[in-house]
PDB file of all heavy atoms in Angstrom:
ATOM      1  N   ALA A   1       0.901  -1.177   0.064  1.00  0.00           N
ATOM      2  CA  ALA A   1      -0.068   0.073   0.045  1.00  0.00           C
ATOM      3  C   ALA A   1       0.842   1.293  -0.025  1.00  0.00           C
ATOM      4  O   ALA A   1       0.536   2.210  -0.710  1.00  0.00           O
ATOM      5  CB  ALA A   1      -0.906   0.017   1.306  1.00  0.00           C
ATOM      6  N   LEU A   2       1.954   1.196   0.808  1.00  0.00           N
ATOM      7  CA  LEU A   2       2.855   2.359   0.806  1.00  0.00           C
ATOM      8  C   LEU A   2       3.447   2.573  -0.554  1.00  0.00           C
ATOM      9  O   LEU A   2       3.600   3.671  -1.085  1.00  0.00           O
ATOM     10  CB  LEU A   2       3.930   2.191   1.731  1.00  0.00           C
ATOM     11  CG  LEU A   2       3.676   2.354   3.306  1.00  0.00           C
ATOM     12  CD1 LEU A   2       4.760   1.792   4.070  1.00  0.00           C
ATOM     13  CD2 LEU A   2       3.578   3.872   3.564  1.00  0.00           C
ATOM     14  N   ASP A   3       3.912   1.498  -1.098  1.00  0.00           N
ATOM     15  CA  ASP A   3       4.431   1.528  -2.555  1.00  0.00           C
ATOM     16  C   ASP A   3       3.532   2.017  -3.564  1.00  0.00           C
ATOM     17  O   ASP A   3       3.937   2.886  -4.412  1.00  0.00           O
ATOM     18  CB  ASP A   3       4.960   0.162  -3.016  1.00  0.00           C
ATOM     19  CG  ASP A   3       6.143  -0.293  -2.144  1.00  0.00           C
ATOM     20  OD1 ASP A   3       6.794   0.536  -1.499  1.00  0.00           O
ATOM     21  OD2 ASP A   3       6.421  -1.581  -2.216  1.00  0.00           O
ATOM     22  N   ALA A   4       2.251   1.735  -3.414  1.00  0.00           N
ATOM     23  CA  ALA A   4       1.187   2.230  -4.369  1.00  0.00           C
ATOM     24  C   ALA A   4       1.081   3.697  -4.204  1.00  0.00           C
ATOM     25  O   ALA A   4       0.800   4.430  -5.340  1.00  0.00           O
ATOM     26  CB  ALA A   4      -0.072   1.447  -4.177  1.00  0.00           C
ATOM     27  N   VAL A   5       1.117   4.094  -2.998  1.00  0.00           N
ATOM     28  CA  VAL A   5       0.956   5.755  -2.867  1.00  0.00           C
ATOM     29  C   VAL A   5       2.133   6.418  -3.409  1.00  0.00           C
ATOM     30  O   VAL A   5       2.015   7.513  -4.034  1.00  0.00           O
ATOM     31  CB  VAL A   5       0.773   6.034  -1.382  1.00  0.00           C
ATOM     32  CG1 VAL A   5       0.738   7.432  -1.113  1.00  0.00           C
ATOM     33  CG2 VAL A   5      -0.632   5.540  -0.869  1.00  0.00           C
ATOM     34  N   ARG A   6       3.278   5.882  -3.122  1.00  0.00           N
ATOM     35  CA  ARG A   6       4.581   6.545  -3.560  1.00  0.00           C
ATOM     36  C   ARG A   6       4.637   6.621  -5.153  1.00  0.00           C
ATOM     37  O   ARG A   6       5.507   7.496  -5.680  1.00  0.00           O
ATOM     38  CB  ARG A   6       5.821   5.942  -3.044  1.00  0.00           C
ATOM     39  CG  ARG A   6       5.961   6.202  -1.530  1.00  0.00           C
ATOM     40  CD  ARG A   6       7.320   5.739  -0.994  1.00  0.00           C
ATOM     41  NE  ARG A   6       7.678   6.233   0.339  1.00  0.00           N
ATOM     42  CZ  ARG A   6       7.602   5.456   1.395  1.00  0.00           C
ATOM     43  NH1 ARG A   6       7.444   4.113   1.247  1.00  0.00           N
ATOM     44  NH2 ARG A   6       7.839   5.922   2.518  1.00  0.00           N
ATOM     45  N   THR A   7       3.972   5.895  -5.871  1.00  0.00           N
ATOM     46  CA  THR A   7       3.960   5.940  -7.447  1.00  0.00           C
ATOM     47  C   THR A   7       3.329   7.356  -7.925  1.00  0.00           C
ATOM     48  O   THR A   7       3.557   7.776  -8.962  1.00  0.00           O
ATOM     49  CB  THR A   7       3.154   4.804  -8.053  1.00  0.00           C
ATOM     50  OG1 THR A   7       1.747   4.935  -7.677  1.00  0.00           O
ATOM     51  CG2 THR A   7       3.732   3.553  -7.594  1.00  0.00           C
ATOM     52  N   GLY A   8       2.449   7.930  -6.938  1.00  0.00           N
ATOM     53  CA  GLY A   8       1.698   9.166  -7.331  1.00  0.00           C
ATOM     54  C   GLY A   8       0.572   9.007  -8.278  1.00  0.00           C
ATOM     55  O   GLY A   8      -0.055   9.930  -8.757  1.00  0.00           O
ATOM     56  N   ASP A   9       0.016   7.752  -8.198  1.00  0.00           N
ATOM     57  CA  ASP A   9      -1.166   7.400  -9.129  1.00  0.00           C
ATOM     58  C   ASP A   9      -2.456   7.581  -8.265  1.00  0.00           C
ATOM     59  O   ASP A   9      -3.564   7.196  -8.761  1.00  0.00           O
ATOM     60  CB  ASP A   9      -1.012   6.000  -9.657  1.00  0.00           C
ATOM     61  CG  ASP A   9       0.124   5.882 -10.679  1.00  0.00           C
ATOM     62  OD1 ASP A   9       0.390   6.898 -11.306  1.00  0.00           O
ATOM     63  OD2 ASP A   9       0.603   4.844 -10.794  1.00  0.00           O
ATOM     64  N   CYS A  10      -2.372   7.945  -6.930  1.00  0.00           N
ATOM     65  CA  CYS A  10      -3.622   8.185  -6.186  1.00  0.00           C
ATOM     66  C   CYS A  10      -4.446   6.975  -6.126  1.00  0.00           C
ATOM     67  O   CYS A  10      -5.655   6.910  -6.466  1.00  0.00           O
ATOM     68  CB  CYS A  10      -4.431   9.407  -6.645  1.00  0.00           C
ATOM     69  SG  CYS A  10      -3.617  10.962  -6.582  1.00  0.00           S
ATOM     70  N   PRO A  11      -3.946   5.815  -5.678  1.00  0.00           N
ATOM     71  CA  PRO A  11      -4.726   4.584  -5.571  1.00  0.00           C
ATOM     72  C   PRO A  11      -6.059   4.863  -4.634  1.00  0.00           C
ATOM     73  O   PRO A  11      -5.910   5.569  -3.578  1.00  0.00           O
ATOM     74  CB  PRO A  11      -3.821   3.525  -5.081  1.00  0.00           C
ATOM     75  CG  PRO A  11      -2.818   4.361  -4.322  1.00  0.00           C
ATOM     76  CD  PRO A  11      -2.616   5.639  -5.042  1.00  0.00           C
ATOM     77  N   ASN A  12      -7.044   4.064  -4.859  1.00  0.00           N
ATOM     78  CA  ASN A  12      -8.229   4.103  -3.947  1.00  0.00           C
ATOM     79  C   ASN A  12      -8.095   2.828  -2.870  1.00  0.00           C
ATOM     80  O   ASN A  12      -8.330   1.694  -3.256  1.00  0.00           O
ATOM     81  CB  ASN A  12      -9.525   3.946  -4.754  1.00  0.00           C
ATOM     82  CG  ASN A  12     -10.783   3.946  -3.966  1.00  0.00           C
ATOM     83  OD1 ASN A  12     -10.591   4.456  -2.749  1.00  0.00           O
ATOM     84  ND2 ASN A  12     -11.871   3.537  -4.446  1.00  0.00           N
ATOM     85  N   LEU A  13      -7.531   3.327  -1.755  1.00  0.00           N
ATOM     86  CA  LEU A  13      -7.369   2.176  -0.794  1.00  0.00           C
ATOM     87  C   LEU A  13      -8.310   2.242   0.392  1.00  0.00           C
ATOM     88  O   LEU A  13      -8.573   3.328   0.953  1.00  0.00           O
ATOM     89  CB  LEU A  13      -5.914   2.395  -0.203  1.00  0.00           C
ATOM     90  CG  LEU A  13      -4.741   2.209  -1.224  1.00  0.00           C
ATOM     91  CD1 LEU A  13      -3.476   2.688  -0.485  1.00  0.00           C
ATOM     92  CD2 LEU A  13      -4.638   0.755  -1.808  1.00  0.00           C
ATOM     93  N   THR A  14      -8.774   1.123   0.758  1.00  0.00           N
ATOM     94  CA  THR A  14      -9.806   1.025   1.881  1.00  0.00           C
ATOM     95  C   THR A  14      -8.906   1.044   3.134  1.00  0.00           C
ATOM     96  O   THR A  14      -7.708   0.802   3.140  1.00  0.00           O
ATOM     97  CB  THR A  14     -10.546  -0.285   1.901  1.00  0.00           C
ATOM     98  OG1 THR A  14      -9.727  -1.328   2.022  1.00  0.00           O
ATOM     99  CG2 THR A  14     -11.382  -0.223   0.676  1.00  0.00           C
ATOM    100  N   THR A  15      -9.569   1.254   4.298  1.00  0.00           N
ATOM    101  CA  THR A  15      -8.954   1.135   5.654  1.00  0.00           C
ATOM    102  C   THR A  15      -8.330  -0.223   5.767  1.00  0.00           C
ATOM    103  O   THR A  15      -7.088  -0.179   6.204  1.00  0.00           O
ATOM    104  CB  THR A  15      -9.963   1.374   6.685  1.00  0.00           C
ATOM    105  OG1 THR A  15     -10.451   2.752   6.571  1.00  0.00           O
ATOM    106  CG2 THR A  15      -9.282   1.333   8.146  1.00  0.00           C
ATOM    107  N   ARG A  16      -8.885  -1.209   5.434  1.00  0.00           N
ATOM    108  CA  ARG A  16      -8.404  -2.587   5.480  1.00  0.00           C
ATOM    109  C   ARG A  16      -7.219  -2.858   4.712  1.00  0.00           C
ATOM    110  O   ARG A  16      -6.400  -3.625   5.036  1.00  0.00           O
ATOM    111  CB  ARG A  16      -9.549  -3.527   5.303  1.00  0.00           C
ATOM    112  CG  ARG A  16      -9.285  -4.980   5.902  1.00  0.00           C
ATOM    113  CD  ARG A  16     -10.473  -5.835   5.612  1.00  0.00           C
ATOM    114  NE  ARG A  16     -11.708  -5.302   6.425  1.00  0.00           N
ATOM    115  CZ  ARG A  16     -11.944  -5.661   7.605  1.00  0.00           C
ATOM    116  NH1 ARG A  16     -11.031  -6.382   8.388  1.00  0.00           N
ATOM    117  NH2 ARG A  16     -13.018  -5.188   8.299  1.00  0.00           N
ATOM    118  N   GLN A  17      -7.110  -2.127   3.558  1.00  0.00           N
ATOM    119  CA  GLN A  17      -6.019  -2.399   2.618  1.00  0.00           C
ATOM    120  C   GLN A  17      -4.838  -1.589   3.044  1.00  0.00           C
ATOM    121  O   GLN A  17      -3.697  -2.070   2.487  1.00  0.00           O
ATOM    122  CB  GLN A  17      -6.471  -1.870   1.187  1.00  0.00           C
ATOM    123  CG  GLN A  17      -7.520  -2.854   0.626  1.00  0.00           C
ATOM    124  CD  GLN A  17      -7.979  -2.280  -0.786  1.00  0.00           C
ATOM    125  OE1 GLN A  17      -8.210  -1.106  -0.858  1.00  0.00           O
ATOM    126  NE2 GLN A  17      -8.143  -3.129  -1.685  1.00  0.00           N
ATOM    127  N   LYS A  18      -4.879  -0.735   3.858  1.00  0.00           N
ATOM    128  CA  LYS A  18      -3.747   0.149   4.322  1.00  0.00           C
ATOM    129  C   LYS A  18      -2.911  -0.472   5.456  1.00  0.00           C
ATOM    130  O   LYS A  18      -1.777  -0.349   5.576  1.00  0.00           O
ATOM    131  CB  LYS A  18      -4.163   1.624   4.535  1.00  0.00           C
ATOM    132  CG  LYS A  18      -4.472   2.282   3.402  1.00  0.00           C
ATOM    133  CD  LYS A  18      -4.530   3.765   3.544  1.00  0.00           C
ATOM    134  CE  LYS A  18      -5.481   4.242   4.647  1.00  0.00           C
ATOM    135  NZ  LYS A  18      -5.486   5.728   4.774  1.00  0.00           N
ATOM    136  N   HIS A  19      -3.614  -0.999   6.473  1.00  0.00           N
ATOM    137  CA  HIS A  19      -3.096  -1.411   7.691  1.00  0.00           C
ATOM    138  C   HIS A  19      -3.652  -2.836   8.107  1.00  0.00           C
ATOM    139  O   HIS A  19      -4.746  -3.050   7.891  1.00  0.00           O
ATOM    140  CB  HIS A  19      -3.252  -0.457   8.804  1.00  0.00           C
ATOM    141  CG  HIS A  19      -2.821   0.890   8.655  1.00  0.00           C
ATOM    142  ND1 HIS A  19      -3.482   1.991   8.037  1.00  0.00           N
ATOM    143  CD2 HIS A  19      -1.623   1.480   8.917  1.00  0.00           C
ATOM    144  CE1 HIS A  19      -2.825   3.086   7.912  1.00  0.00           C
ATOM    145  NE2 HIS A  19      -1.605   2.815   8.356  1.00  0.00           N
ATOM    146  N   TYR A  20      -2.932  -3.447   8.961  1.00  0.00           N
ATOM    147  CA  TYR A  20      -3.441  -4.424   9.848  1.00  0.00           C
ATOM    148  C   TYR A  20      -2.907  -4.240  11.228  1.00  0.00           C
ATOM    149  O   TYR A  20      -2.021  -3.447  11.531  1.00  0.00           O
ATOM    150  CB  TYR A  20      -3.095  -5.836   9.369  1.00  0.00           C
ATOM    151  CG  TYR A  20      -1.544  -6.342   9.353  1.00  0.00           C
ATOM    152  CD1 TYR A  20      -1.120  -7.126  10.486  1.00  0.00           C
ATOM    153  CD2 TYR A  20      -0.621  -5.973   8.421  1.00  0.00           C
ATOM    154  CE1 TYR A  20       0.221  -7.552  10.624  1.00  0.00           C
ATOM    155  CE2 TYR A  20       0.695  -6.173   8.512  1.00  0.00           C
ATOM    156  CZ  TYR A  20       1.107  -7.050   9.606  1.00  0.00           C
ATOM    157  OH  TYR A  20       2.351  -7.422   9.670  1.00  0.00           O
ATOM    158  N   ARG A  21      -3.656  -4.874  12.212  1.00  0.00           N
ATOM    159  CA  ARG A  21      -3.378  -4.682  13.688  1.00  0.00           C
ATOM    160  C   ARG A  21      -3.042  -6.013  14.292  1.00  0.00           C
ATOM    161  O   ARG A  21      -3.711  -7.155  14.029  1.00  0.00           O
ATOM    162  CB  ARG A  21      -4.506  -4.027  14.414  1.00  0.00           C
ATOM    163  CG  ARG A  21      -4.790  -2.617  13.851  1.00  0.00           C
ATOM    164  CD  ARG A  21      -5.872  -1.825  14.696  1.00  0.00           C
ATOM    165  NE  ARG A  21      -6.126  -0.462  14.154  1.00  0.00           N
ATOM    166  CZ  ARG A  21      -5.308   0.534  14.348  1.00  0.00           C
ATOM    167  NH1 ARG A  21      -4.166   0.447  14.903  1.00  0.00           N
ATOM    168  NH2 ARG A  21      -5.766   1.623  13.801  1.00  0.00           N
ATOM    169  N   GLU A  22      -1.901  -6.058  15.015  1.00  0.00           N
ATOM    170  CA  GLU A  22      -1.387  -7.287  15.700  1.00  0.00           C
ATOM    171  C   GLU A  22      -1.415  -7.069  17.213  1.00  0.00           C
ATOM    172  O   GLU A  22      -0.758  -6.073  17.748  1.00  0.00           O
ATOM    173  CB  GLU A  22       0.041  -7.637  15.171  1.00  0.00           C
ATOM    174  CG  GLU A  22       0.316  -8.967  15.501  1.00  0.00           C
ATOM    175  CD  GLU A  22       1.568  -9.585  14.732  1.00  0.00           C
ATOM    176  OE1 GLU A  22       2.229  -8.798  14.036  1.00  0.00           O
ATOM    177  OE2 GLU A  22       1.959 -10.729  14.748  1.00  0.00           O
ATOM    178  N   CYS A  23      -2.075  -7.909  17.893  1.00  0.00           N
ATOM    179  CA  CYS A  23      -2.329  -7.683  19.419  1.00  0.00           C
ATOM    180  C   CYS A  23      -1.698  -8.809  20.061  1.00  0.00           C
ATOM    181  O   CYS A  23      -1.817 -10.054  19.684  1.00  0.00           O
ATOM    182  CB  CYS A  23      -3.765  -7.641  19.760  1.00  0.00           C
ATOM    183  SG  CYS A  23      -4.686  -6.596  18.729  1.00  0.00           S
ATOM    184  N   PHE A  24      -0.924  -8.383  21.151  1.00  0.00           N
ATOM    185  CA  PHE A  24      -0.245  -9.396  22.053  1.00  0.00           C
ATOM    186  C   PHE A  24      -0.999  -9.269  23.441  1.00  0.00           C
ATOM    187  O   PHE A  24      -0.775  -8.258  24.049  1.00  0.00           O
ATOM    188  CB  PHE A  24       1.198  -9.271  22.148  1.00  0.00           C
ATOM    189  CG  PHE A  24       1.886  -9.589  20.825  1.00  0.00           C
ATOM    190  CD1 PHE A  24       1.945  -8.616  19.857  1.00  0.00           C
ATOM    191  CD2 PHE A  24       2.334 -10.793  20.540  1.00  0.00           C
ATOM    192  CE1 PHE A  24       2.498  -8.821  18.549  1.00  0.00           C
ATOM    193  CE2 PHE A  24       2.986 -11.185  19.274  1.00  0.00           C
ATOM    194  CZ  PHE A  24       3.025 -10.201  18.429  1.00  0.00           C
ATOM    195  N   VAL A  25      -1.667 -10.298  23.903  1.00  0.00           N
ATOM    196  CA  VAL A  25      -2.593 -10.161  25.018  1.00  0.00           C
ATOM    197  C   VAL A  25      -2.132 -11.169  26.063  1.00  0.00           C
ATOM    198  O   VAL A  25      -2.001 -12.321  25.879  1.00  0.00           O
ATOM    199  CB  VAL A  25      -4.030 -10.342  24.543  1.00  0.00           C
ATOM    200  CG1 VAL A  25      -4.933 -10.194  25.826  1.00  0.00           C
ATOM    201  CG2 VAL A  25      -4.341  -9.404  23.445  1.00  0.00           C
ATOM    202  N   VAL A  26      -2.151 -10.602  27.258  1.00  0.00           N
ATOM    203  CA  VAL A  26      -1.919 -11.565  28.526  1.00  0.00           C
ATOM    204  C   VAL A  26      -3.298 -11.597  29.188  1.00  0.00           C
ATOM    205  O   VAL A  26      -3.878 -10.572  29.641  1.00  0.00           O
ATOM    206  CB  VAL A  26      -0.957 -10.939  29.573  1.00  0.00           C
ATOM    207  CG1 VAL A  26      -0.844 -11.928  30.687  1.00  0.00           C
ATOM    208  CG2 VAL A  26       0.390 -10.813  28.894  1.00  0.00           C
ATOM    209  N   ALA A  27      -3.899 -12.710  29.236  1.00  0.00           N
ATOM    210  CA  ALA A  27      -5.279 -12.983  29.734  1.00  0.00           C
ATOM    211  C   ALA A  27      -5.260 -13.150  31.301  1.00  0.00           C
ATOM    212  O   ALA A  27      -4.211 -13.733  31.767  1.00  0.00           O
ATOM    213  CB  ALA A  27      -6.080 -14.044  29.065  1.00  0.00           C
ATOM    214  N   GLU A  28      -6.232 -12.878  31.972  1.00  0.00           N
ATOM    215  CA  GLU A  28      -6.397 -13.257  33.362  1.00  0.00           C
ATOM    216  C   GLU A  28      -6.479 -14.846  33.389  1.00  0.00           C
ATOM    217  O   GLU A  28      -7.063 -15.439  32.465  1.00  0.00           O
ATOM    218  CB  GLU A  28      -7.630 -12.556  34.013  1.00  0.00           C
ATOM    219  CG  GLU A  28      -7.613 -11.146  34.002  1.00  0.00           C
ATOM    220  CD  GLU A  28      -6.658 -10.513  35.188  1.00  0.00           C
ATOM    221  OE1 GLU A  28      -5.993 -11.448  35.913  1.00  0.00           O
ATOM    222  OE2 GLU A  28      -6.618  -9.272  35.319  1.00  0.00           O
ATOM    223  N   ASP A  29      -6.085 -15.301  34.704  1.00  0.00           N
ATOM    224  CA  ASP A  29      -6.278 -16.791  34.816  1.00  0.00           C
ATOM    225  C   ASP A  29      -7.724 -17.117  34.681  1.00  0.00           C
ATOM    226  O   ASP A  29      -8.517 -16.504  35.404  1.00  0.00           O
ATOM    227  CB  ASP A  29      -5.751 -17.239  36.162  1.00  0.00           C
ATOM    228  CG  ASP A  29      -4.149 -17.131  36.168  1.00  0.00           C
ATOM    229  OD1 ASP A  29      -3.584 -17.052  35.220  1.00  0.00           O
ATOM    230  OD2 ASP A  29      -3.660 -17.072  37.420  1.00  0.00           O
ATOM    231  N   GLY A  30      -8.021 -18.129  33.790  1.00  0.00           N
ATOM    232  CA  GLY A  30      -9.441 -18.642  33.711  1.00  0.00           C
ATOM    233  C   GLY A  30     -10.233 -17.752  32.678  1.00  0.00           C
ATOM    234  O   GLY A  30     -11.423 -18.061  32.574  1.00  0.00           O
ATOM    235  N   ALA A  31      -9.711 -16.792  32.103  1.00  0.00           N
ATOM    236  CA  ALA A  31     -10.557 -15.823  31.326  1.00  0.00           C
ATOM    237  C   ALA A  31     -10.896 -16.584  30.052  1.00  0.00           C
ATOM    238  O   ALA A  31     -10.154 -17.481  29.572  1.00  0.00           O
ATOM    239  CB  ALA A  31      -9.808 -14.572  30.996  1.00  0.00           C
ATOM    240  N   ASP A  32     -12.004 -16.238  29.294  1.00  0.00           N
ATOM    241  CA  ASP A  32     -12.455 -16.817  28.130  1.00  0.00           C
ATOM    242  C   ASP A  32     -11.647 -15.977  26.945  1.00  0.00           C
ATOM    243  O   ASP A  32     -12.139 -14.994  26.563  1.00  0.00           O
ATOM    244  CB  ASP A  32     -13.916 -16.639  27.995  1.00  0.00           C
ATOM    245  CG  ASP A  32     -14.551 -17.201  26.792  1.00  0.00           C
ATOM    246  OD1 ASP A  32     -13.811 -17.654  25.853  1.00  0.00           O
ATOM    247  OD2 ASP A  32     -15.770 -17.481  26.825  1.00  0.00           O
ATOM    248  N   THR A  33     -10.690 -16.646  26.381  1.00  0.00           N
ATOM    249  CA  THR A  33      -9.847 -16.057  25.448  1.00  0.00           C
ATOM    250  C   THR A  33     -10.615 -16.024  24.064  1.00  0.00           C
ATOM    251  O   THR A  33     -10.368 -14.896  23.442  1.00  0.00           O
ATOM    252  CB  THR A  33      -8.640 -16.861  25.090  1.00  0.00           C
ATOM    253  OG1 THR A  33      -8.821 -18.244  24.790  1.00  0.00           O
ATOM    254  CG2 THR A  33      -7.703 -16.904  26.449  1.00  0.00           C
ATOM    255  N   ASP A  34     -11.554 -16.735  23.801  1.00  0.00           N
ATOM    256  CA  ASP A  34     -12.497 -16.576  22.597  1.00  0.00           C
ATOM    257  C   ASP A  34     -13.173 -15.365  22.699  1.00  0.00           C
ATOM    258  O   ASP A  34     -13.275 -14.595  21.806  1.00  0.00           O
ATOM    259  CB  ASP A  34     -13.275 -17.744  22.353  1.00  0.00           C
ATOM    260  CG  ASP A  34     -12.546 -19.050  21.978  1.00  0.00           C
ATOM    261  OD1 ASP A  34     -11.389 -18.865  21.400  1.00  0.00           O
ATOM    262  OD2 ASP A  34     -13.004 -20.139  22.196  1.00  0.00           O
ATOM    263  N   ALA A  35     -13.813 -15.081  23.878  1.00  0.00           N
ATOM    264  CA  ALA A  35     -14.655 -13.988  24.199  1.00  0.00           C
ATOM    265  C   ALA A  35     -13.752 -12.679  24.063  1.00  0.00           C
ATOM    266  O   ALA A  35     -14.082 -11.568  23.620  1.00  0.00           O
ATOM    267  CB  ALA A  35     -15.358 -14.002  25.513  1.00  0.00           C
ATOM    268  N   ILE A  36     -12.566 -12.718  24.648  1.00  0.00           N
ATOM    269  CA  ILE A  36     -11.622 -11.599  24.570  1.00  0.00           C
ATOM    270  C   ILE A  36     -11.241 -11.229  23.167  1.00  0.00           C
ATOM    271  O   ILE A  36     -11.333 -10.096  22.767  1.00  0.00           O
ATOM    272  CB  ILE A  36     -10.301 -11.866  25.312  1.00  0.00           C
ATOM    273  CG1 ILE A  36     -10.726 -11.996  26.962  1.00  0.00           C
ATOM    274  CG2 ILE A  36      -9.285 -10.830  25.105  1.00  0.00           C
ATOM    275  CD1 ILE A  36      -9.486 -12.379  27.715  1.00  0.00           C
ATOM    276  N   GLU A  37     -10.854 -12.252  22.364  1.00  0.00           N
ATOM    277  CA  GLU A  37     -10.646 -12.053  20.999  1.00  0.00           C
ATOM    278  C   GLU A  37     -11.672 -11.495  20.115  1.00  0.00           C
ATOM    279  O   GLU A  37     -11.541 -10.524  19.421  1.00  0.00           O
ATOM    280  CB  GLU A  37     -10.129 -13.434  20.213  1.00  0.00           C
ATOM    281  CG  GLU A  37      -9.638 -13.143  18.910  1.00  0.00           C
ATOM    282  CD  GLU A  37      -9.103 -14.450  18.321  1.00  0.00           C
ATOM    283  OE1 GLU A  37      -8.907 -15.503  19.065  1.00  0.00           O
ATOM    284  OE2 GLU A  37      -8.637 -14.348  17.091  1.00  0.00           O
ATOM    285  N   GLN A  38     -12.972 -12.050  20.369  1.00  0.00           N
ATOM    286  CA  GLN A  38     -14.080 -11.429  19.791  1.00  0.00           C
ATOM    287  C   GLN A  38     -14.382 -10.010  20.115  1.00  0.00           C
ATOM    288  O   GLN A  38     -14.725  -9.110  19.238  1.00  0.00           O
ATOM    289  CB  GLN A  38     -15.295 -12.270  19.986  1.00  0.00           C
ATOM    290  CG  GLN A  38     -16.555 -11.991  19.217  1.00  0.00           C
ATOM    291  CD  GLN A  38     -16.451 -12.192  17.677  1.00  0.00           C
ATOM    292  OE1 GLN A  38     -15.548 -12.807  17.217  1.00  0.00           O
ATOM    293  NE2 GLN A  38     -17.399 -11.572  17.038  1.00  0.00           N
ATOM    294  N   ALA A  39     -14.130  -9.637  21.303  1.00  0.00           N
ATOM    295  CA  ALA A  39     -14.391  -8.274  21.747  1.00  0.00           C
ATOM    296  C   ALA A  39     -13.419  -7.337  21.163  1.00  0.00           C
ATOM    297  O   ALA A  39     -13.794  -6.241  20.764  1.00  0.00           O
ATOM    298  CB  ALA A  39     -14.242  -8.212  23.327  1.00  0.00           C
ATOM    299  N   ILE A  40     -12.198  -7.845  21.012  1.00  0.00           N
ATOM    300  CA  ILE A  40     -11.129  -6.990  20.297  1.00  0.00           C
ATOM    301  C   ILE A  40     -11.467  -6.703  18.876  1.00  0.00           C
ATOM    302  O   ILE A  40     -11.420  -5.623  18.413  1.00  0.00           O
ATOM    303  CB  ILE A  40      -9.776  -7.588  20.586  1.00  0.00           C
ATOM    304  CG1 ILE A  40      -9.295  -7.574  22.000  1.00  0.00           C
ATOM    305  CG2 ILE A  40      -8.719  -6.937  19.645  1.00  0.00           C
ATOM    306  CD1 ILE A  40      -8.040  -8.461  22.392  1.00  0.00           C
TER     307      ILE A  40
END
């Protein structure tokens, strides 16, 4: 996505096409990790 912008061609990029998010989570003991992931 960065490379496409630097060409100067004004690409039409959605939010999802520009970035992704990576999360590193420490859960409380006994917490429902599936529910935490869904909430995030």
